[in-house]
Structures are given as C-alpha cells and as structure tokens.
Amino acid sequence: MVLENKLGIKNSSELREAEEKISKLRAKEIFEKNISQKFETGTFKGLSDIHRFIFGDIYGFAGKIRTVNISKGSFRFAPVIYIHEAIKNVDKMPFSTFDEIIEKYVEMNIVHPFREGNGRSMRLWLDIMLKSSLKKVVDRRKIDKEEYLSAMERSPVKDIEIKHIIKEALTDDINNREVYMKGVDMSYYYEGYDMFDTEKLK
C-alpha cells in the first residue's frame, strides 16, 4: 500500500526516495535557519509543528493526529479511540530532568500520534527538550541502530535500557553542525532510510 501523498506518487520505492530527500532538506533547514526555537518545547503542539514542517510538502496528514490504528511488529500503538486522551496525559508530563524527558519521549512513542514519520519527528522533539532543559543533545553517531531499536521496543515495559543508551550519547556541543546533520542521517537510518547524506542535499 502506498500512502496518499501530495506528489502523486503511486510506487512505494519512489515515494520512500522522495520522502527521504524532501524531509531531510526540511530537517536541514531547521538547523540552518534556527527554526527549532519557534517550536513549543515538550508539547504535542511542538511535535505536531515539527512533523508538519518536515513532512508537509509530502503528506496532507502532516501534523495531524492519525485516524487509523497502527502497529510495528507485534506491538500496537495507542488505539485511535484513546489517542486524544493519551496525548493530553503526555502533555502533562514534566521535562525538567533527564529521566523525565526520556519518560515523556517513551510515552509519546507509545502514542505514535501520526500516520507516518513518528520516530523521525520525535527524535528532533527529544533533542529540543534536552537542549532546553539540560543544554545537551544526543550525538546519534554513538548509538548502535539495533541496540537503540531493541531498547525502544522494550521501553514501554522497562525504560532503564533506553535511558542508559541515550545518556551515554549526550553531548553539550549543542550547536555543532556535524552532530546535527549526522544525527538526522542516523535517525533516518533507524527507519531504513539511507539514500541521501543530509549535509550534501541541496
């Protein structure tokens, strides 16, 4: 099934390529134009605005709460009938300490509020929280893909693993261009997108 898109693409591999290129260019723009300061920190509105900014040129549903149930592997994300309440609950969670930030991130991941592009927009949302509250960001070059995905899969039951992985990868070099650009590339690589180098895209 090919998601309905603004580009009129009917082929799934063509859509993946176009989505990666266009959305990475938008993610690059966030850094180059310092747009992250315009997003609310730690709220669903902030996350929604990030999602809309990155994927708005591709999908009509960008920034909008999904209306279908979705799952990954055997894990089912928050059912549509509970999703608005779940988002309200996550919005109420504090984000002043490292543990609070990761717990909020894990809970929002369980909600998975969008039809597509949740992980990629949420990792930017996570970095904005870390930067705002702790003056740190994640250097994703230090995180192994399989370890990260396994820890995230287990995080709804036990979040100690993902907390450890992320804490070990924190850096206070929060305005480092390479950290950001390679972070975008790694974030996309987690989801199987690795055709384009963000830094080289024009």
Protein backbone atom coordinates (compact mmCIF):
# COMPACT_ATOMS: atom_id res chain seq x y z
CA MET A 1 0.00 0.00 0.00
CA VAL A 2 1.34 3.44 -0.96
CA LEU A 3 0.32 6.27 1.34
CA GLU A 4 -1.69 9.01 -0.30
CA ASN A 5 0.69 11.87 -0.97
CA LYS A 6 0.83 15.37 -2.43
CA LEU A 7 3.43 14.29 -5.00
CA GLY A 8 1.03 11.95 -6.82
CA ILE A 9 3.49 9.06 -6.46
CA LYS A 10 1.96 5.57 -6.75
CA ASN A 11 5.13 3.50 -6.37
CA SER A 12 6.32 2.75 -2.82
CA SER A 13 10.07 2.83 -3.55
CA GLU A 14 9.71 6.13 -5.43
CA LEU A 15 7.77 7.57 -2.51
CA ARG A 16 10.41 6.44 0.00
CA GLU A 17 13.15 8.13 -2.03
CA ALA A 18 11.18 11.36 -2.47
CA GLU A 19 10.12 11.40 1.19
CA GLU A 20 13.67 10.94 2.42
CA LYS A 21 15.11 13.67 0.21
CA ILE A 22 12.40 16.28 0.77
CA SER A 23 12.03 15.73 4.52
CA LYS A 24 15.80 15.67 5.11
CA LEU A 25 16.06 19.01 3.31
CA ARG A 26 13.41 20.37 5.68
CA ALA A 27 15.22 18.91 8.70
CA LYS A 28 18.42 20.57 7.46
CA GLU A 29 16.55 23.86 7.21
CA ILE A 30 15.59 23.63 10.90
CA PHE A 31 19.29 23.84 11.82
CA GLU A 32 20.37 26.35 9.20
CA LYS A 33 17.59 28.82 9.95
CA ASN A 34 17.47 28.10 13.71
CA ILE A 35 13.80 27.19 13.38
CA SER A 36 13.78 24.87 16.41
CA GLN A 37 13.36 27.94 18.65
CA LYS A 38 9.94 28.50 17.08
CA PHE A 39 8.62 25.08 18.18
CA GLU A 40 6.99 24.73 21.60
CA THR A 41 9.15 22.60 23.87
CA GLY A 42 7.80 19.35 25.30
CA THR A 43 4.24 19.67 24.00
CA PHE A 44 2.25 17.79 21.40
CA LYS A 45 1.74 21.11 19.60
CA GLY A 46 5.52 21.44 19.29
CA LEU A 47 5.82 17.89 18.00
CA SER A 48 2.94 18.43 15.59
CA ASP A 49 4.57 21.59 14.24
CA ILE A 50 7.87 19.72 13.73
CA HIS A 51 6.05 16.92 11.90
CA ARG A 52 4.16 19.39 9.72
CA PHE A 53 7.33 21.31 8.89
CA ILE A 54 9.25 18.18 7.86
CA PHE A 55 6.54 16.22 6.07
CA GLY A 56 4.07 18.94 5.00
CA ASP A 57 5.32 19.02 1.41
CA ILE A 58 4.67 15.29 1.09
CA TYR A 59 1.60 14.32 3.10
CA GLY A 60 -1.74 16.00 3.68
CA PHE A 61 -1.87 14.39 7.13
CA ALA A 62 1.37 16.05 8.27
CA GLY A 63 0.96 17.38 11.81
CA LYS A 64 -2.47 15.77 12.19
CA ILE A 65 -3.43 13.06 14.67
CA ARG A 66 -3.85 9.73 12.92
CA THR A 67 -7.31 8.26 12.39
CA VAL A 68 -6.24 4.63 11.92
CA ASN A 69 -4.74 2.07 14.28
CA ILE A 70 -1.10 1.23 13.59
CA SER A 71 1.42 -1.32 14.83
CA LYS A 72 5.04 -2.30 14.39
CA GLY A 73 5.84 -5.99 14.59
CA SER A 74 3.71 -7.36 17.42
CA PHE A 75 3.41 -4.01 19.21
CA ARG A 76 0.23 -2.00 18.78
CA PHE A 77 0.49 1.73 19.39
CA ALA A 78 -2.24 3.65 21.23
CA PRO A 79 -5.68 2.83 19.76
CA VAL A 80 -7.38 5.69 17.93
CA ILE A 81 -10.25 5.79 20.43
CA TYR A 82 -7.81 6.62 23.25
CA ILE A 83 -5.26 8.70 21.34
CA HIS A 84 -6.52 12.19 22.25
CA GLU A 85 -6.61 11.33 25.95
CA ALA A 86 -3.17 9.73 25.73
CA ILE A 87 -1.73 12.87 24.12
CA LYS A 88 -3.23 15.04 26.89
CA ASN A 89 -1.60 12.80 29.51
CA VAL A 90 1.82 13.02 27.84
CA ASP A 91 1.47 16.80 27.54
CA LYS A 92 1.07 16.99 31.34
CA MET A 93 4.31 15.11 31.99
CA PRO A 94 7.21 17.30 33.19
CA PHE A 95 10.54 17.52 31.33
CA SER A 96 12.99 19.27 33.62
CA THR A 97 15.31 16.31 34.38
CA PHE A 98 16.91 13.69 32.13
CA ASP A 99 14.68 10.90 33.48
CA GLU A 100 11.53 13.00 32.99
CA ILE A 101 12.49 13.86 29.42
CA ILE A 102 13.12 10.23 28.42
CA GLU A 103 9.94 9.06 30.16
CA LYS A 104 7.94 11.67 28.23
CA TYR A 105 9.65 10.61 24.99
CA VAL A 106 8.89 6.93 25.65
CA GLU A 107 5.23 7.68 26.38
CA MET A 108 4.84 9.77 23.23
CA ASN A 109 6.40 6.92 21.26
CA ILE A 110 3.73 4.58 22.64
CA VAL A 111 1.09 7.06 21.42
CA HIS A 112 2.71 7.31 17.95
CA PRO A 113 0.34 10.15 17.05
CA PHE A 114 0.94 10.35 13.29
CA ARG A 115 0.23 8.06 10.37
CA GLU A 116 3.91 8.09 9.33
CA GLY A 117 7.14 9.82 10.38
CA ASN A 118 6.71 9.47 14.16
CA GLY A 119 10.21 8.39 15.09
CA ARG A 120 12.00 10.96 12.97
CA SER A 121 9.95 13.91 14.25
CA MET A 122 10.02 12.66 17.85
CA ARG A 123 13.81 12.43 17.92
CA LEU A 124 14.03 16.11 16.93
CA TRP A 125 11.39 16.86 19.61
CA LEU A 126 13.54 14.94 22.13
CA ASP A 127 16.65 16.96 21.28
CA ILE A 128 14.76 20.23 21.68
CA MET A 129 13.69 19.16 25.19
CA LEU A 130 17.22 18.08 26.12
CA LYS A 131 18.68 21.30 24.73
CA SER A 132 16.15 23.48 26.55
CA SER A 133 16.30 21.78 29.94
CA LEU A 134 19.82 20.32 30.13
CA LYS A 135 21.84 22.18 27.45
CA LYS A 136 22.60 18.82 25.84
CA VAL A 137 21.63 16.90 22.68
CA VAL A 138 22.06 13.31 21.52
CA ASP A 139 25.11 12.50 19.40
CA ARG A 140 23.50 9.68 17.43
CA ARG A 141 26.82 8.63 15.93
CA LYS A 142 27.45 6.99 19.32
CA ILE A 143 24.28 4.88 19.23
CA ASP A 144 24.08 1.46 17.58
CA LYS A 145 20.93 1.06 15.48
CA GLU A 146 19.98 -2.42 16.70
CA GLU A 147 20.64 -1.58 20.36
CA TYR A 148 18.52 1.56 20.07
CA LEU A 149 15.60 -0.17 18.33
CA SER A 150 15.65 -3.09 20.78
CA ALA A 151 15.70 -0.72 23.76
CA MET A 152 12.83 1.33 22.33
CA GLU A 153 10.83 -1.85 21.74
CA ARG A 154 11.25 -2.79 25.40
CA SER A 155 10.84 0.75 26.75
CA PRO A 156 7.05 0.58 27.39
CA VAL A 157 7.78 -2.13 29.99
CA LYS A 158 11.24 -1.07 31.15
CA ASP A 159 12.90 2.22 30.17
CA ILE A 160 16.21 1.79 32.00
CA GLU A 161 17.90 0.45 28.85
CA ILE A 162 16.96 3.35 26.57
CA LYS A 163 17.85 5.83 29.32
CA HIS A 164 21.33 4.31 29.55
CA ILE A 165 21.87 4.31 25.77
CA ILE A 166 20.79 7.93 25.36
CA LYS A 167 22.64 9.18 28.45
CA GLU A 168 25.90 7.66 27.16
CA ALA A 169 25.45 9.53 23.85
CA LEU A 170 24.70 13.00 25.27
CA THR A 171 26.91 15.92 24.31
CA ASP A 172 26.96 19.55 25.39
CA ASP A 173 28.15 20.55 21.90
CA ILE A 174 24.57 21.60 21.16
CA ASN A 175 25.24 23.87 18.19
CA ASN A 176 27.62 21.54 16.37
CA ARG A 177 26.57 21.27 12.73
CA GLU A 178 28.04 17.80 12.19
CA VAL A 179 26.35 16.42 15.30
CA TYR A 180 23.01 17.68 14.00
CA MET A 181 23.39 16.60 10.35
CA LYS A 182 24.76 13.16 11.17
CA GLY A 183 22.05 12.89 13.81
CA VAL A 184 19.40 13.37 11.13
CA ASP A 185 21.09 10.74 8.95
CA MET A 186 21.20 8.26 11.85
CA SER A 187 17.60 8.98 12.81
CA TYR A 188 16.53 8.14 9.26
CA TYR A 189 18.84 5.10 9.16
CA TYR A 190 16.97 3.69 12.17
CA GLU A 191 13.87 3.65 9.95
CA GLY A 192 15.64 2.20 6.91
CA TYR A 193 16.20 5.46 5.02
CA ASP A 194 19.83 5.88 3.98
CA MET A 195 19.96 7.05 0.34
CA PHE A 196 20.91 10.68 1.00
CA ASP A 197 23.54 12.48 3.07
CA THR A 198 21.69 15.37 4.74
CA GLU A 199 24.70 17.69 4.68
CA LYS A 200 25.13 17.30 0.92
CA LEU A 201 21.48 17.80 -0.04
CA LYS A 202 20.52 20.99 -1.90
